[in-house]
Amino acid sequence: MLTITRKLEFDAGHRIPDHGSQCRNLHGHRYTLQITLTGEVVEKDGESDNGMIMDFGDIKALANEHLVNLWDHSFIVYEKDYIIKNFLEKLPGHKTVVIDRVPTVENLAKIAFDILKVVYHGRFGRTLELTKVTLYETPNCWAEIDG
């Protein structure tokens, strides 16, 4: 088994409502998402993915469809952060993502992993597993989750 990793980026806002410092304020990040898949290399002449675990373009398309496009240029808010959630609901057409936990990079990485695990599992009838998600909040700060 080999692993491959695809990197994608998106922008999103959030806040950590109970944080003791500046992260309790509304702010945003340029997130970098790394998706690592493990699988067997396709060895079938005539197949588009021959010699690959999965086409990097397919990894990107699936991640965009199920996660990145939903989170990009959104404000990710904790469902119990009522002040901000109620404010955002009043903004017509605002792209808000409501989640069931505080939107720390650790929690966002876990949510991303849970969403994408189902998306990639056995895709195209192959032995394919999501084995790791790394989410960078800044170039110096990130969270990783292994399957």
N, C-alpha and C. Protein backbone atom coordinates (compact mmCIF):
# COMPACT_ATOMS: atom_id res chain seq x y z
N MET A 1 0.84 -1.18 0.00
CA MET A 1 0.00 0.00 0.00
C MET A 1 0.89 1.25 0.00
N LEU A 2 0.44 2.24 -0.75
CA LEU A 2 1.12 3.53 -0.83
C LEU A 2 0.17 4.60 -0.34
N THR A 3 0.73 5.78 -0.05
CA THR A 3 -0.10 6.92 0.29
C THR A 3 0.15 8.05 -0.69
N ILE A 4 -0.89 8.83 -0.92
CA ILE A 4 -0.79 10.05 -1.71
C ILE A 4 -1.47 11.17 -0.93
N THR A 5 -1.04 12.38 -1.17
CA THR A 5 -1.61 13.53 -0.46
C THR A 5 -1.91 14.64 -1.45
N ARG A 6 -3.09 15.24 -1.29
CA ARG A 6 -3.53 16.38 -2.12
C ARG A 6 -3.74 17.56 -1.20
N LYS A 7 -3.23 18.73 -1.59
CA LYS A 7 -3.37 19.95 -0.81
C LYS A 7 -4.38 20.87 -1.48
N LEU A 8 -5.29 21.42 -0.67
CA LEU A 8 -6.27 22.41 -1.14
C LEU A 8 -6.29 23.56 -0.15
N GLU A 9 -6.76 24.70 -0.59
CA GLU A 9 -6.85 25.87 0.29
C GLU A 9 -8.22 26.49 0.21
N PHE A 10 -8.62 27.11 1.32
CA PHE A 10 -9.89 27.84 1.36
C PHE A 10 -9.80 28.91 2.44
N ASP A 11 -10.68 29.89 2.33
CA ASP A 11 -10.74 30.98 3.30
C ASP A 11 -12.04 30.87 4.09
N ALA A 12 -11.96 31.08 5.39
CA ALA A 12 -13.17 31.03 6.22
C ALA A 12 -12.94 31.85 7.48
N GLY A 13 -14.05 32.32 8.03
CA GLY A 13 -14.02 33.06 9.28
C GLY A 13 -14.58 32.21 10.40
N HIS A 14 -14.23 32.58 11.62
CA HIS A 14 -14.76 31.91 12.81
C HIS A 14 -14.42 32.74 14.03
N ARG A 15 -14.81 32.23 15.17
CA ARG A 15 -14.34 32.76 16.44
C ARG A 15 -14.43 31.65 17.46
N ILE A 16 -13.63 31.77 18.49
CA ILE A 16 -13.62 30.81 19.60
C ILE A 16 -14.27 31.56 20.78
N PRO A 17 -15.58 31.35 20.99
CA PRO A 17 -16.33 32.23 21.88
C PRO A 17 -15.82 32.32 23.31
N ASP A 18 -15.28 31.27 23.87
CA ASP A 18 -14.86 31.30 25.28
C ASP A 18 -13.35 31.52 25.44
N HIS A 19 -12.66 31.78 24.36
CA HIS A 19 -11.20 31.93 24.40
C HIS A 19 -10.82 33.14 25.24
N GLY A 20 -9.73 33.02 25.97
CA GLY A 20 -9.30 34.10 26.86
C GLY A 20 -8.51 35.19 26.19
N SER A 21 -8.28 35.07 24.89
CA SER A 21 -7.46 36.05 24.19
C SER A 21 -8.18 36.52 22.93
N GLN A 22 -7.43 36.97 21.93
CA GLN A 22 -8.00 37.61 20.75
C GLN A 22 -8.80 36.68 19.85
N CYS A 23 -8.66 35.38 20.00
CA CYS A 23 -9.40 34.44 19.14
C CYS A 23 -10.89 34.43 19.43
N ARG A 24 -11.31 35.10 20.50
CA ARG A 24 -12.75 35.21 20.76
C ARG A 24 -13.42 36.24 19.83
N ASN A 25 -12.59 37.04 19.16
CA ASN A 25 -13.09 38.02 18.20
C ASN A 25 -13.33 37.36 16.84
N LEU A 26 -14.21 37.96 16.05
CA LEU A 26 -14.45 37.48 14.70
C LEU A 26 -13.17 37.68 13.89
N HIS A 27 -12.73 36.64 13.20
CA HIS A 27 -11.53 36.72 12.38
C HIS A 27 -11.54 35.58 11.36
N GLY A 28 -10.59 35.58 10.48
CA GLY A 28 -10.56 34.56 9.44
C GLY A 28 -9.16 34.05 9.19
N HIS A 29 -9.11 32.97 8.41
CA HIS A 29 -7.84 32.33 8.07
C HIS A 29 -7.86 31.88 6.62
N ARG A 30 -6.67 31.71 6.09
CA ARG A 30 -6.46 31.02 4.82
C ARG A 30 -6.05 29.60 5.22
N TYR A 31 -7.04 28.70 5.24
CA TYR A 31 -6.78 27.32 5.66
C TYR A 31 -6.13 26.53 4.54
N THR A 32 -5.26 25.62 4.91
CA THR A 32 -4.69 24.65 3.99
C THR A 32 -5.09 23.27 4.47
N LEU A 33 -5.71 22.52 3.58
CA LEU A 33 -6.19 21.18 3.88
C LEU A 33 -5.35 20.17 3.11
N GLN A 34 -4.78 19.21 3.83
CA GLN A 34 -4.05 18.13 3.19
C GLN A 34 -4.81 16.83 3.42
N ILE A 35 -5.11 16.15 2.33
CA ILE A 35 -5.87 14.91 2.36
C ILE A 35 -4.94 13.78 1.96
N THR A 36 -4.74 12.81 2.85
CA THR A 36 -3.86 11.68 2.57
C THR A 36 -4.70 10.42 2.45
N LEU A 37 -4.52 9.76 1.30
CA LEU A 37 -5.22 8.51 1.00
C LEU A 37 -4.23 7.37 0.90
N THR A 38 -4.65 6.18 1.30
CA THR A 38 -3.86 4.98 1.18
C THR A 38 -4.61 4.01 0.29
N GLY A 39 -3.88 3.38 -0.60
CA GLY A 39 -4.52 2.40 -1.47
C GLY A 39 -3.51 1.66 -2.30
N GLU A 40 -4.03 0.84 -3.16
CA GLU A 40 -3.18 0.08 -4.07
C GLU A 40 -3.12 0.80 -5.41
N VAL A 41 -1.98 0.73 -6.03
CA VAL A 41 -1.80 1.34 -7.34
C VAL A 41 -2.58 0.53 -8.36
N VAL A 42 -3.35 1.23 -9.19
CA VAL A 42 -4.11 0.58 -10.25
C VAL A 42 -3.13 0.04 -11.28
N GLU A 43 -3.27 -1.21 -11.61
CA GLU A 43 -2.41 -1.83 -12.62
C GLU A 43 -3.31 -2.50 -13.65
N LYS A 44 -3.97 -1.67 -14.45
CA LYS A 44 -4.89 -2.18 -15.45
C LYS A 44 -4.72 -1.35 -16.72
N ASP A 45 -4.15 -1.97 -17.73
CA ASP A 45 -3.96 -1.27 -19.00
C ASP A 45 -5.29 -0.74 -19.52
N GLY A 46 -5.23 0.46 -20.08
CA GLY A 46 -6.42 1.06 -20.66
C GLY A 46 -7.24 1.88 -19.68
N GLU A 47 -6.98 1.75 -18.37
CA GLU A 47 -7.71 2.55 -17.38
C GLU A 47 -7.05 3.90 -17.23
N SER A 48 -7.86 4.92 -17.07
CA SER A 48 -7.37 6.28 -16.93
C SER A 48 -6.41 6.43 -15.74
N ASP A 49 -6.68 5.70 -14.66
CA ASP A 49 -5.86 5.82 -13.45
C ASP A 49 -4.75 4.78 -13.38
N ASN A 50 -4.43 4.13 -14.49
CA ASN A 50 -3.38 3.11 -14.49
C ASN A 50 -2.09 3.72 -13.97
N GLY A 51 -1.49 3.07 -12.96
CA GLY A 51 -0.25 3.56 -12.36
C GLY A 51 -0.48 4.52 -11.19
N MET A 52 -1.74 4.77 -10.83
CA MET A 52 -2.07 5.72 -9.76
C MET A 52 -2.88 5.01 -8.67
N ILE A 53 -2.88 5.61 -7.49
CA ILE A 53 -3.83 5.19 -6.45
C ILE A 53 -5.18 5.81 -6.77
N MET A 54 -5.15 7.10 -7.07
CA MET A 54 -6.34 7.86 -7.47
C MET A 54 -5.85 9.12 -8.15
N ASP A 55 -6.52 9.55 -9.16
CA ASP A 55 -6.15 10.77 -9.86
C ASP A 55 -6.27 11.96 -8.91
N PHE A 56 -5.24 12.79 -8.84
CA PHE A 56 -5.27 13.95 -7.96
C PHE A 56 -6.43 14.88 -8.28
N GLY A 57 -6.81 14.96 -9.56
CA GLY A 57 -7.96 15.77 -9.95
C GLY A 57 -9.25 15.26 -9.35
N ASP A 58 -9.40 13.94 -9.25
CA ASP A 58 -10.59 13.35 -8.62
C ASP A 58 -10.61 13.61 -7.12
N ILE A 59 -9.44 13.55 -6.50
CA ILE A 59 -9.36 13.86 -5.06
C ILE A 59 -9.83 15.28 -4.82
N LYS A 60 -9.35 16.19 -5.64
CA LYS A 60 -9.72 17.60 -5.51
C LYS A 60 -11.21 17.80 -5.77
N ALA A 61 -11.73 17.21 -6.83
CA ALA A 61 -13.14 17.39 -7.18
C ALA A 61 -14.06 16.90 -6.06
N LEU A 62 -13.75 15.76 -5.49
CA LEU A 62 -14.58 15.22 -4.41
C LEU A 62 -14.47 16.06 -3.14
N ALA A 63 -13.26 16.50 -2.80
CA ALA A 63 -13.08 17.36 -1.63
C ALA A 63 -13.81 18.68 -1.81
N ASN A 64 -13.73 19.25 -3.00
CA ASN A 64 -14.44 20.50 -3.26
C ASN A 64 -15.94 20.33 -3.12
N GLU A 65 -16.47 19.27 -3.71
CA GLU A 65 -17.91 19.03 -3.69
C GLU A 65 -18.46 18.81 -2.28
N HIS A 66 -17.74 18.07 -1.47
CA HIS A 66 -18.27 17.66 -0.17
C HIS A 66 -17.81 18.50 1.01
N LEU A 67 -16.79 19.35 0.82
CA LEU A 67 -16.28 20.12 1.94
C LEU A 67 -15.81 21.52 1.57
N VAL A 68 -14.82 21.62 0.71
CA VAL A 68 -14.14 22.89 0.47
C VAL A 68 -15.10 23.96 -0.04
N ASN A 69 -15.91 23.64 -1.03
CA ASN A 69 -16.83 24.65 -1.58
C ASN A 69 -17.88 25.07 -0.55
N LEU A 70 -18.19 24.20 0.40
CA LEU A 70 -19.16 24.54 1.44
C LEU A 70 -18.55 25.47 2.48
N TRP A 71 -17.28 25.29 2.77
CA TRP A 71 -16.61 26.08 3.81
C TRP A 71 -15.92 27.33 3.26
N ASP A 72 -15.56 27.34 1.99
CA ASP A 72 -14.81 28.46 1.43
C ASP A 72 -15.63 29.75 1.47
N HIS A 73 -15.02 30.79 1.97
CA HIS A 73 -15.65 32.10 2.12
C HIS A 73 -16.95 32.04 2.93
N SER A 74 -16.94 31.17 3.93
CA SER A 74 -18.07 31.10 4.86
C SER A 74 -17.61 31.60 6.22
N PHE A 75 -18.58 31.73 7.11
CA PHE A 75 -18.26 31.95 8.52
C PHE A 75 -18.72 30.69 9.23
N ILE A 76 -17.79 30.02 9.90
CA ILE A 76 -18.08 28.77 10.59
C ILE A 76 -18.36 29.12 12.05
N VAL A 77 -19.56 28.78 12.50
CA VAL A 77 -20.00 29.19 13.83
C VAL A 77 -20.49 27.99 14.64
N TYR A 78 -20.19 28.00 15.91
CA TYR A 78 -20.64 26.99 16.86
C TYR A 78 -22.13 27.20 17.09
N GLU A 79 -22.89 26.12 17.07
CA GLU A 79 -24.35 26.21 17.20
C GLU A 79 -24.80 26.85 18.51
N LYS A 80 -23.95 26.82 19.55
CA LYS A 80 -24.31 27.43 20.84
C LYS A 80 -23.73 28.84 21.01
N ASP A 81 -23.11 29.36 19.97
CA ASP A 81 -22.62 30.74 19.99
C ASP A 81 -23.78 31.60 19.49
N TYR A 82 -24.80 31.71 20.32
CA TYR A 82 -26.09 32.28 19.91
C TYR A 82 -26.00 33.72 19.42
N ILE A 83 -25.17 34.52 20.04
CA ILE A 83 -25.07 35.93 19.64
C ILE A 83 -24.64 36.04 18.18
N ILE A 84 -23.57 35.34 17.82
CA ILE A 84 -23.05 35.42 16.45
C ILE A 84 -23.96 34.67 15.49
N LYS A 85 -24.42 33.50 15.89
CA LYS A 85 -25.30 32.71 15.03
C LYS A 85 -26.57 33.50 14.68
N ASN A 86 -27.18 34.10 15.66
CA ASN A 86 -28.40 34.89 15.41
C ASN A 86 -28.11 36.11 14.54
N PHE A 87 -26.96 36.74 14.76
CA PHE A 87 -26.57 37.88 13.93
C PHE A 87 -26.41 37.45 12.47
N LEU A 88 -25.70 36.36 12.25
CA LEU A 88 -25.43 35.89 10.88
C LEU A 88 -26.71 35.47 10.17
N GLU A 89 -27.66 34.92 10.91
CA GLU A 89 -28.94 34.51 10.31
C GLU A 89 -29.72 35.70 9.76
N LYS A 90 -29.44 36.90 10.27
CA LYS A 90 -30.13 38.10 9.82
C LYS A 90 -29.50 38.72 8.57
N LEU A 91 -28.35 38.24 8.17
CA LEU A 91 -27.68 38.78 6.99
C LEU A 91 -28.18 38.03 5.75
N PRO A 92 -28.87 38.72 4.86
CA PRO A 92 -29.42 38.04 3.68
C PRO A 92 -28.32 37.41 2.82
N GLY A 93 -28.50 36.15 2.51
CA GLY A 93 -27.58 35.45 1.62
C GLY A 93 -26.21 35.17 2.19
N HIS A 94 -26.03 35.37 3.49
CA HIS A 94 -24.71 35.14 4.09
C HIS A 94 -24.39 33.65 4.11
N LYS A 95 -23.16 33.31 3.79
CA LYS A 95 -22.71 31.92 3.78
C LYS A 95 -22.21 31.56 5.18
N THR A 96 -23.07 30.88 5.92
CA THR A 96 -22.78 30.49 7.29
C THR A 96 -22.81 28.98 7.38
N VAL A 97 -21.82 28.42 8.05
CA VAL A 97 -21.79 26.98 8.33
C VAL A 97 -21.90 26.83 9.84
N VAL A 98 -22.96 26.19 10.29
CA VAL A 98 -23.19 25.97 11.71
C VAL A 98 -22.72 24.56 12.05
N ILE A 99 -21.87 24.45 13.07
CA ILE A 99 -21.35 23.14 13.48
C ILE A 99 -21.67 22.88 14.95
N ASP A 100 -21.55 21.62 15.34
CA ASP A 100 -21.97 21.20 16.68
C ASP A 100 -20.88 21.31 17.74
N ARG A 101 -19.79 21.99 17.41
CA ARG A 101 -18.70 22.16 18.37
C ARG A 101 -17.97 23.47 18.07
N VAL A 102 -17.16 23.91 19.00
CA VAL A 102 -16.40 25.15 18.83
C VAL A 102 -15.47 24.99 17.63
N PRO A 103 -15.42 25.98 16.72
CA PRO A 103 -14.64 25.84 15.49
C PRO A 103 -13.13 26.07 15.64
N THR A 104 -12.52 25.29 16.51
CA THR A 104 -11.06 25.29 16.61
C THR A 104 -10.51 24.50 15.44
N VAL A 105 -9.24 24.65 15.17
CA VAL A 105 -8.63 23.89 14.07
C VAL A 105 -8.70 22.39 14.36
N GLU A 106 -8.60 22.02 15.64
CA GLU A 106 -8.70 20.61 16.01
C GLU A 106 -10.08 20.05 15.65
N ASN A 107 -11.12 20.77 16.02
CA ASN A 107 -12.49 20.31 15.73
C ASN A 107 -12.80 20.34 14.24
N LEU A 108 -12.31 21.35 13.54
CA LEU A 108 -12.55 21.42 12.10
C LEU A 108 -11.84 20.27 11.37
N ALA A 109 -10.64 19.92 11.82
CA ALA A 109 -9.93 18.78 11.22
C ALA A 109 -10.71 17.49 11.42
N LYS A 110 -11.27 17.32 12.61
CA LYS A 110 -12.06 16.11 12.90
C LYS A 110 -13.32 16.06 12.04
N ILE A 111 -14.01 17.17 11.91
CA ILE A 111 -15.21 17.23 11.07
C ILE A 111 -14.84 16.93 9.62
N ALA A 112 -13.77 17.55 9.15
CA ALA A 112 -13.32 17.31 7.76
C ALA A 112 -13.02 15.84 7.55
N PHE A 113 -12.32 15.23 8.50
CA PHE A 113 -11.99 13.81 8.38
C PHE A 113 -13.26 12.96 8.30
N ASP A 114 -14.22 13.24 9.19
CA ASP A 114 -15.46 12.45 9.22
C ASP A 114 -16.25 12.58 7.91
N ILE A 115 -16.27 13.78 7.35
CA ILE A 115 -16.98 14.00 6.08
C ILE A 115 -16.27 13.26 4.95
N LEU A 116 -14.96 13.45 4.85
CA LEU A 116 -14.21 12.92 3.72
C LEU A 116 -13.97 11.41 3.79
N LYS A 117 -13.95 10.86 4.98
CA LYS A 117 -13.74 9.42 5.12
C LYS A 117 -14.77 8.64 4.32
N VAL A 118 -16.01 9.05 4.42
CA VAL A 118 -17.11 8.39 3.70
C VAL A 118 -16.99 8.62 2.19
N VAL A 119 -16.55 9.80 1.81
CA VAL A 119 -16.44 10.17 0.39
C VAL A 119 -15.42 9.30 -0.34
N TYR A 120 -14.28 9.05 0.29
CA TYR A 120 -13.21 8.33 -0.40
C TYR A 120 -13.22 6.82 -0.18
N HIS A 121 -13.90 6.35 0.85
CA HIS A 121 -13.86 4.92 1.20
C HIS A 121 -14.28 4.05 0.02
N GLY A 122 -13.35 3.21 -0.45
CA GLY A 122 -13.65 2.26 -1.51
C GLY A 122 -14.10 2.90 -2.81
N ARG A 123 -13.74 4.15 -3.03
CA ARG A 123 -14.17 4.87 -4.23
C ARG A 123 -13.76 4.12 -5.50
N PHE A 124 -14.63 4.11 -6.46
CA PHE A 124 -14.39 3.44 -7.74
C PHE A 124 -14.16 1.94 -7.57
N GLY A 125 -14.68 1.36 -6.46
CA GLY A 125 -14.54 -0.07 -6.22
C GLY A 125 -13.13 -0.51 -5.89
N ARG A 126 -12.33 0.42 -5.40
CA ARG A 126 -10.92 0.13 -5.11
C ARG A 126 -10.68 0.06 -3.61
N THR A 127 -9.52 -0.51 -3.27
CA THR A 127 -9.06 -0.46 -1.90
C THR A 127 -8.50 0.93 -1.68
N LEU A 128 -9.29 1.79 -1.08
CA LEU A 128 -8.90 3.18 -0.91
C LEU A 128 -9.44 3.67 0.42
N GLU A 129 -8.58 4.25 1.22
CA GLU A 129 -8.97 4.75 2.54
C GLU A 129 -8.37 6.13 2.79
N LEU A 130 -9.16 6.99 3.42
CA LEU A 130 -8.64 8.25 3.93
C LEU A 130 -7.87 7.90 5.20
N THR A 131 -6.59 8.20 5.22
CA THR A 131 -5.79 7.83 6.38
C THR A 131 -5.37 9.02 7.23
N LYS A 132 -5.43 10.23 6.65
CA LYS A 132 -5.00 11.39 7.44
C LYS A 132 -5.57 12.67 6.84
N VAL A 133 -5.93 13.57 7.70
CA VAL A 133 -6.29 14.93 7.32
C VAL A 133 -5.42 15.86 8.16
N THR A 134 -4.78 16.79 7.49
CA THR A 134 -4.03 17.84 8.16
C THR A 134 -4.67 19.16 7.77
N LEU A 135 -5.01 19.96 8.76
CA LEU A 135 -5.63 21.26 8.50
C LEU A 135 -4.77 22.34 9.13
N TYR A 136 -4.20 23.19 8.27
CA TYR A 136 -3.41 24.33 8.73
C TYR A 136 -4.33 25.53 8.90
N GLU A 137 -4.28 26.12 10.09
CA GLU A 137 -5.00 27.36 10.33
C GLU A 137 -4.11 28.55 9.94
N THR A 138 -2.85 28.40 10.19
CA THR A 138 -1.82 29.35 9.77
C THR A 138 -0.62 28.50 9.31
N PRO A 139 0.38 29.11 8.69
CA PRO A 139 1.54 28.31 8.31
C PRO A 139 2.25 27.65 9.49
N ASN A 140 2.03 28.17 10.70
CA ASN A 140 2.73 27.66 11.88
C ASN A 140 1.86 26.86 12.83
N CYS A 141 0.55 26.75 12.56
CA CYS A 141 -0.36 26.10 13.48
C CYS A 141 -1.33 25.19 12.72
N TRP A 142 -1.40 23.92 13.14
CA TRP A 142 -2.26 22.98 12.43
C TRP A 142 -2.67 21.84 13.34
N ALA A 143 -3.64 21.07 12.86
CA ALA A 143 -4.09 19.86 13.54
C ALA A 143 -4.07 18.72 12.54
N GLU A 144 -3.75 17.53 13.05
CA GLU A 144 -3.73 16.34 12.21
C GLU A 144 -4.59 15.27 12.85
N ILE A 145 -5.29 14.53 12.02
CA ILE A 145 -6.06 13.39 12.51
C ILE A 145 -5.78 12.20 11.61
N ASP A 146 -5.45 11.11 12.23
CA ASP A 146 -5.18 9.87 11.52
C ASP A 146 -6.39 8.95 11.64
N GLY A 147 -6.61 8.17 10.60
CA GLY A 147 -7.71 7.20 10.61
C GLY A 147 -7.30 5.98 11.38
